[in-house]
Protein backbone atom coordinates (compact mmCIF):
# COMPACT_ATOMS: atom_id res chain seq x y z
CA MET A 1 11.95 -14.75 18.82
CA SER A 2 14.87 -12.55 19.76
CA LYS A 3 14.71 -9.00 21.04
CA PHE A 4 14.06 -6.69 18.12
CA GLY A 5 14.74 -3.20 19.43
CA VAL A 6 10.96 -2.70 19.38
CA SER A 7 8.65 -2.23 22.37
CA GLN A 8 7.88 -5.40 24.31
CA ARG A 9 4.13 -4.88 23.88
CA LYS A 10 4.44 -4.92 20.08
CA ILE A 11 6.53 -8.08 20.19
CA ILE A 12 3.97 -9.82 22.42
CA ASN A 13 1.12 -8.78 20.11
CA LEU A 14 3.01 -10.13 17.10
CA GLU A 15 3.71 -13.43 18.85
CA LYS A 16 0.02 -13.78 19.77
CA LYS A 17 -0.99 -13.11 16.18
CA MET A 18 1.54 -15.69 14.96
CA GLU A 19 0.06 -18.25 17.38
CA ARG A 20 -3.49 -17.45 16.28
CA PHE A 21 -2.64 -18.21 12.63
CA ASN A 22 -0.39 -21.16 13.55
CA ILE A 23 2.79 -19.58 12.18
CA LYS A 24 5.89 -21.13 13.69
CA GLU A 25 9.33 -19.59 13.69
CA LYS A 26 10.80 -22.83 12.28
CA ASP A 27 8.55 -22.49 9.19
CA ILE A 28 10.08 -19.11 8.34
CA GLU A 29 13.23 -18.92 6.23
CA GLU A 30 15.12 -15.71 6.97
CA ASN A 31 17.89 -14.10 4.91
CA PHE A 32 19.64 -10.76 5.13
CA ILE A 33 20.50 -9.08 1.86
CA ARG A 34 21.93 -5.80 0.76
CA PRO A 35 19.12 -3.34 0.04
CA SER A 36 18.49 -1.81 -3.34
CA GLY A 37 17.76 1.86 -3.79
CA LYS A 38 18.99 4.87 -1.91
CA GLY A 39 21.07 4.73 1.25
CA GLY A 40 24.57 5.56 0.11
CA ARG A 41 27.70 4.05 1.61
CA LYS A 42 25.94 2.62 4.66
CA ALA A 43 23.42 0.67 2.56
CA ASP A 44 26.19 -0.61 0.29
CA SER A 45 28.18 -2.10 3.17
CA THR A 46 25.49 -3.57 5.46
CA SER A 47 23.01 -6.35 4.86
CA ASN A 48 20.07 -4.95 6.79
CA CYS A 49 17.30 -5.74 4.29
CA VAL A 50 15.30 -8.70 5.62
CA TYR A 51 13.86 -11.38 3.35
CA LEU A 52 11.36 -13.83 4.88
CA LYS A 53 9.70 -16.81 3.26
CA HIS A 54 6.95 -18.82 4.92
CA LEU A 55 7.70 -22.31 3.66
CA PRO A 56 4.20 -23.90 3.98
CA THR A 57 2.40 -21.10 2.11
CA LYS A 58 5.35 -19.94 -0.07
CA ILE A 59 4.58 -16.31 0.86
CA GLU A 60 7.61 -14.02 0.60
CA VAL A 61 8.27 -10.64 2.22
CA LYS A 62 11.14 -8.22 1.81
CA CYS A 63 11.59 -5.31 4.22
CA HIS A 64 14.05 -2.46 4.22
CA GLN A 65 12.03 0.27 5.85
CA ASN A 66 14.58 1.18 8.49
CA ARG A 67 18.38 1.27 8.78
CA SER A 68 18.23 -1.08 11.75
CA ARG A 69 18.28 -4.78 10.97
CA THR A 70 16.40 -5.63 14.17
CA VAL A 71 13.55 -3.25 13.39
CA ASN A 72 13.39 -4.56 9.83
CA ARG A 73 13.15 -8.12 11.18
CA PHE A 74 10.16 -7.13 13.29
CA LEU A 75 8.46 -5.24 10.45
CA ALA A 76 9.05 -8.07 7.99
CA ARG A 77 7.48 -10.59 10.38
CA ARG A 78 4.52 -8.29 10.89
CA ARG A 79 4.01 -7.99 7.11
CA LEU A 80 4.34 -11.73 6.68
CA VAL A 81 1.74 -12.43 9.37
CA ASP A 82 -0.63 -9.88 7.80
CA LYS A 83 -0.27 -11.48 4.37
CA ILE A 84 -0.90 -14.96 5.76
CA ALA A 85 -3.88 -13.70 7.78
CA ASN A 86 -5.37 -12.10 4.66
CA LYS A 87 -4.90 -15.32 2.73
CA ILE A 88 -6.52 -17.40 5.49
CA LEU A 89 -9.40 -15.03 6.15
CA GLY A 90 -9.92 -14.38 2.46
CA LYS A 91 -10.21 -10.63 2.82
CA LYS A 92 -8.06 -7.76 1.73
CA SER A 93 -6.32 -5.45 4.15
CA LYS A 94 -7.24 -1.78 4.37
CA LYS A 95 -3.93 -0.86 2.82
CA GLN A 96 -4.55 -3.18 -0.14
CA GLN A 97 -8.05 -1.73 -0.58
CA GLU A 98 -6.62 1.80 -0.62
CA ILE A 99 -4.04 0.80 -3.23
CA GLU A 100 -6.73 -0.71 -5.44
CA LYS A 101 -8.92 2.38 -5.03
CA ILE A 102 -6.08 4.63 -6.18
CA ARG A 103 -5.41 2.29 -9.10
CA ARG A 104 -9.07 2.50 -10.16
CA LYS A 105 -8.98 6.29 -9.96
CA LYS A 106 -5.88 6.49 -12.16
CA ARG A 107 -7.16 3.97 -14.69
CA ARG A 108 -7.95 5.32 -18.16
CA ARG A 109 -11.60 5.86 -18.95
CA SER A 110 -13.20 3.82 -21.67
CA LYS A 111 -13.82 5.52 -24.99
CA ARG A 112 -17.58 5.59 -24.35
CA ALA A 113 -17.19 7.05 -20.85
CA LYS A 114 -14.83 9.73 -22.17
CA GLU A 115 -17.25 10.70 -24.96
CA LYS A 116 -20.12 10.88 -22.47
CA MET A 117 -18.09 13.09 -20.13
CA LEU A 118 -17.07 15.43 -22.95
CA LYS A 119 -20.69 15.69 -24.14
CA LYS A 120 -21.82 16.74 -20.65
CA LYS A 121 -19.01 19.29 -20.44
CA LYS A 122 -20.06 20.83 -23.75
CA GLU A 123 -23.71 21.00 -22.62
CA HIS A 124 -22.64 22.70 -19.40
CA ALA A 125 -20.50 25.19 -21.34
CA GLU A 126 -23.50 26.03 -23.58
CA LYS A 127 -25.66 26.72 -20.50
CA LYS A 128 -23.01 29.05 -19.13
CA LYS A 129 -22.78 30.93 -22.45
CA LEU A 130 -26.55 31.44 -22.46
CA ARG A 131 -26.43 32.79 -18.91
CA LYS A 132 -23.78 35.33 -19.90
CA LYS A 133 -25.93 36.56 -22.80
CA ILE A 134 -28.97 36.97 -20.55
CA ASP A 135 -26.93 38.83 -17.92
CA LEU A 136 -25.55 41.23 -20.54
CA GLU A 137 -29.03 41.91 -21.98
CA GLN A 138 -30.40 42.67 -18.49
CA GLU A 139 -27.54 45.06 -17.76
CA LEU A 140 -28.00 46.88 -21.07
CA GLY A 141 -31.79 47.02 -20.64
CA GLU A 142 -31.61 48.68 -17.24
């Protein structure tokens, strides 16, 4: 692996992780493409978005997190290794779990759940109305 413009310690850790999951550099197909999205003139003229494909597992990764191609190469490899590790270990990464949690929170409630929630809200509102009446009666009585 070439020098990435990233600290040597991070590169060594990545290489160890690649060895642990038996990921070889020759099994990775690497392409550089022009990024989509914002970036202006610089993004339009440079191909610093990195596309990696692990041929044995057919897992693909695209990275354009930084303007530097070398940093994007490192980050793309790290993402690829994480995806392969998750597939091998059969567990989801913390980031994936957080994404799913947010998705569950944003999901629409079922009709029954919505009705139940509205019923509880109405009951709570009735209790509050009763409290106000009692408070007013006590103030007037004193």
